Amino acid sequence: MRKLAFTLMSLMCSLALAATVYKWVDENGVVHYSDQPHPNAEKLQVKDAQTFPHSSPSVAPSAAGAPPPPTAQRVGPAYQGCAVVQPTDQQDFMNVDALTISVQTDPGLKPGDQIFVNLDGAPLNNGKPTGGQFSLSPVDRGTHTVAAQIRDSDGTVLCQTPTVSFSVHQPSLLNPNTPIRPH
């Protein structure tokens, strides 16, 4: 079993690193794969792996064969993802005065790119970038939604997080089931 696993791992590495693979069977009937020629080896031509470009929902697909617009050409890889990691989706908070909203990107935030957070559809921080963490205070009771966008220096949206819902519960002077009594 270990030989089979090793053989498969070797094959996968060979496929990832080389376009030509050699296959042969030894005297014990074990199949071998290599990127180096071997006596009695069959030469296999391996096609490159099929890849798909990462596209953002806010970016319209370009026409087939058309080069990408100049603003889409960036140095380094695009963001693989971004997410609001705090609060978590459907999280409940009891009696909070402040709440930290945290956003993470994969890979980390690139120089010149900024994070903008929206609470209940309205921009936080007067529409200015918030950074990876933002402290929200005071926190109103009720159910809220939070989402974030990563934008470059031109304002182009590079990544948008899924919307996260959370609820804040505060005591009420008007609730007869849990009255607040002075000490």
Protein backbone atom coordinates (compact mmCIF):
# COMPACT_ATOMS: atom_id res chain seq x y z
CA MET A 1 0.00 0.00 0.00
CA ARG A 2 2.88 2.34 0.81
CA LYS A 3 4.45 1.66 -2.58
CA LEU A 4 1.19 2.49 -4.31
CA ALA A 5 0.82 5.73 -2.35
CA PHE A 6 4.43 6.67 -3.07
CA THR A 7 3.99 5.85 -6.75
CA LEU A 8 0.86 7.97 -6.97
CA MET A 9 2.54 10.87 -5.15
CA SER A 10 5.51 10.60 -7.48
CA LEU A 11 3.21 10.60 -10.46
CA MET A 12 1.40 13.69 -9.22
CA CYS A 13 4.69 15.52 -8.65
CA SER A 14 5.86 14.47 -12.08
CA LEU A 15 2.64 15.70 -13.62
CA ALA A 16 2.97 19.02 -11.86
CA LEU A 17 6.62 19.55 -12.79
CA ALA A 18 7.06 17.98 -16.22
CA ALA A 19 5.10 17.59 -19.39
CA THR A 20 6.78 14.28 -20.36
CA VAL A 21 6.49 11.19 -18.15
CA TYR A 22 8.03 7.75 -18.63
CA LYS A 23 6.17 4.59 -17.55
CA TRP A 24 7.61 1.12 -17.17
CA VAL A 25 6.91 -2.15 -15.37
CA ASP A 26 9.75 -3.81 -13.43
CA GLU A 27 10.42 -7.56 -13.15
CA ASN A 28 8.07 -7.80 -10.12
CA GLY A 29 5.16 -6.32 -12.06
CA VAL A 30 5.30 -2.95 -10.27
CA VAL A 31 4.42 0.04 -12.46
CA HIS A 32 6.83 2.98 -12.23
CA TYR A 33 6.54 6.57 -13.45
CA SER A 34 9.42 9.00 -13.85
CA ASP A 35 10.47 12.18 -15.60
CA GLN A 36 13.76 10.45 -16.52
CA PRO A 37 14.03 7.93 -19.38
CA HIS A 38 14.41 4.26 -18.41
CA PRO A 39 15.14 1.18 -20.55
CA ASN A 40 11.87 -0.29 -21.93
CA ALA A 41 9.93 2.77 -20.72
CA GLU A 42 6.90 4.03 -22.57
CA LYS A 43 6.94 7.78 -23.14
CA LEU A 44 3.68 9.45 -22.03
CA GLN A 45 2.78 12.97 -23.08
CA VAL A 46 0.96 14.71 -20.23
CA LYS A 47 -1.21 17.73 -20.97
CA ASP A 48 -0.94 20.81 -18.78
CA ALA A 49 -3.49 21.04 -15.99
CA GLN A 50 -6.63 22.95 -16.89
CA THR A 51 -6.91 26.19 -14.98
CA PHE A 52 -9.61 28.82 -14.67
CA PRO A 53 -9.08 32.51 -13.99
CA HIS A 54 -10.39 33.84 -10.68
CA SER A 55 -13.22 36.24 -11.36
CA SER A 56 -15.03 38.48 -8.96
CA PRO A 57 -18.82 38.79 -9.09
CA SER A 58 -18.41 42.55 -9.48
CA VAL A 59 -16.24 42.19 -12.60
CA ALA A 60 -18.01 41.52 -15.88
CA PRO A 61 -16.52 38.64 -17.89
CA SER A 62 -14.44 39.80 -20.85
CA ALA A 63 -15.11 38.72 -24.40
CA ALA A 64 -13.44 35.45 -25.38
CA GLY A 65 -9.92 36.09 -26.63
CA ALA A 66 -9.92 39.76 -25.64
CA PRO A 67 -6.99 40.88 -23.47
CA PRO A 68 -7.87 41.95 -19.93
CA PRO A 69 -8.30 45.68 -19.32
CA PRO A 70 -5.17 47.49 -18.05
CA THR A 71 -6.63 47.98 -14.55
CA ALA A 72 -7.02 44.19 -14.17
CA GLN A 73 -3.28 43.60 -14.66
CA ARG A 74 -1.77 43.51 -11.19
CA VAL A 75 1.61 42.51 -9.88
CA GLY A 76 1.36 39.26 -7.91
CA PRO A 77 -1.56 36.89 -7.48
CA ALA A 78 -5.14 38.07 -7.02
CA TYR A 79 -6.85 37.59 -3.69
CA GLN A 80 -7.96 33.98 -3.35
CA GLY A 81 -10.59 35.04 -0.86
CA CYS A 82 -11.65 37.39 1.88
CA ALA A 83 -14.03 36.98 4.81
CA VAL A 84 -15.46 38.64 7.89
CA VAL A 85 -14.06 36.38 10.63
CA GLN A 86 -15.51 38.26 13.59
CA PRO A 87 -18.39 38.28 14.30
CA THR A 88 -19.27 34.87 12.91
CA ASP A 89 -22.45 34.31 10.94
CA GLN A 90 -25.60 34.05 13.14
CA GLN A 91 -23.62 34.90 16.31
CA ASP A 92 -25.56 36.34 19.27
CA PHE A 93 -24.13 38.93 21.68
CA MET A 94 -25.57 39.73 25.11
CA ASN A 95 -25.09 43.11 26.80
CA VAL A 96 -22.17 44.35 24.70
CA ASP A 97 -21.08 47.98 24.59
CA ALA A 98 -18.51 47.49 21.80
CA LEU A 99 -17.94 44.91 19.11
CA THR A 100 -14.81 44.23 17.06
CA ILE A 101 -15.29 43.51 13.36
CA SER A 102 -12.35 41.59 11.84
CA VAL A 103 -11.69 40.95 8.15
CA GLN A 104 -9.06 38.57 6.74
CA THR A 105 -7.74 38.22 3.21
CA ASP A 106 -5.93 35.35 1.51
CA PRO A 107 -3.15 36.21 0.85
CA GLY A 108 -2.64 39.08 3.29
CA LEU A 109 -3.56 42.64 2.37
CA LYS A 110 -1.24 44.00 -0.31
CA PRO A 111 0.36 47.45 -0.08
CA GLY A 112 -1.96 50.11 -1.47
CA ASP A 113 -5.10 47.98 -1.03
CA GLN A 114 -7.66 48.96 1.61
CA ILE A 115 -10.56 47.37 3.49
CA PHE A 116 -13.97 49.07 3.61
CA VAL A 117 -16.66 47.69 5.94
CA ASN A 118 -20.44 48.13 5.58
CA LEU A 119 -22.86 47.65 8.49
CA ASP A 120 -26.49 47.10 7.51
CA GLY A 121 -25.63 48.27 3.97
CA ALA A 122 -24.14 51.61 5.10
CA PRO A 123 -20.39 52.32 5.12
CA LEU A 124 -18.65 52.43 8.50
CA ASN A 125 -16.01 55.01 9.38
CA ASN A 126 -17.72 57.68 7.22
CA GLY A 127 -16.80 55.70 4.08
CA LYS A 128 -13.07 55.75 4.86
CA PRO A 129 -11.00 52.52 5.00
CA THR A 130 -11.35 50.64 8.29
CA GLY A 131 -8.39 48.29 8.17
CA GLY A 132 -8.49 44.62 9.17
CA GLN A 133 -10.15 45.38 12.53
CA PHE A 134 -12.72 47.98 13.42
CA SER A 135 -14.27 48.61 16.82
CA LEU A 136 -17.99 49.38 16.64
CA SER A 137 -19.31 51.33 19.61
CA PRO A 138 -22.05 51.77 20.69
CA VAL A 139 -23.75 48.64 19.41
CA ASP A 140 -27.49 48.93 18.85
CA ARG A 141 -29.72 46.02 19.78
CA GLY A 142 -31.22 43.98 16.97
CA THR A 143 -30.05 41.92 14.03
CA HIS A 144 -27.34 43.41 11.85
CA THR A 145 -25.41 42.50 8.71
CA VAL A 146 -21.77 43.22 8.01
CA ALA A 147 -19.77 42.84 4.79
CA ALA A 148 -16.44 44.16 3.54
CA GLN A 149 -14.72 45.01 0.28
CA ILE A 150 -11.03 45.06 -0.57
CA ARG A 151 -10.27 47.90 -3.00
CA ASP A 152 -7.10 49.00 -4.74
CA SER A 153 -5.85 52.59 -4.83
CA ASP A 154 -8.09 53.28 -7.86
CA GLY A 155 -11.19 52.14 -5.95
CA THR A 156 -11.57 48.93 -7.96
CA VAL A 157 -13.16 46.14 -5.90
CA LEU A 158 -10.68 43.24 -5.72
CA CYS A 159 -12.58 41.02 -3.29
CA GLN A 160 -15.95 41.15 -1.54
CA THR A 161 -16.82 39.15 1.56
CA PRO A 162 -20.04 37.21 2.00
CA THR A 163 -22.54 39.01 4.24
CA VAL A 164 -22.48 37.97 7.91
CA SER A 165 -25.54 38.37 10.18
CA PHE A 166 -25.32 38.80 13.94
CA SER A 167 -27.71 39.79 16.73
CA VAL A 168 -27.21 42.03 19.75
CA HIS A 169 -29.44 41.56 22.80
CA GLN A 170 -29.59 44.28 25.46
CA PRO A 171 -31.71 44.34 28.62
CA SER A 172 -34.84 46.43 28.49
CA LEU A 173 -36.51 48.49 31.20
CA LEU A 174 -39.84 47.69 29.56
CA ASN A 175 -39.49 43.88 29.60
CA PRO A 176 -41.58 42.49 32.49
CA ASN A 177 -39.92 39.05 32.27
CA THR A 178 -36.45 40.35 33.09
CA PRO A 179 -36.93 43.58 34.98
CA ILE A 180 -33.86 45.59 35.86
CA ARG A 181 -34.01 46.53 39.51
CA PRO A 182 -31.74 49.13 41.08
CA HIS A 183 -29.44 47.76 43.77
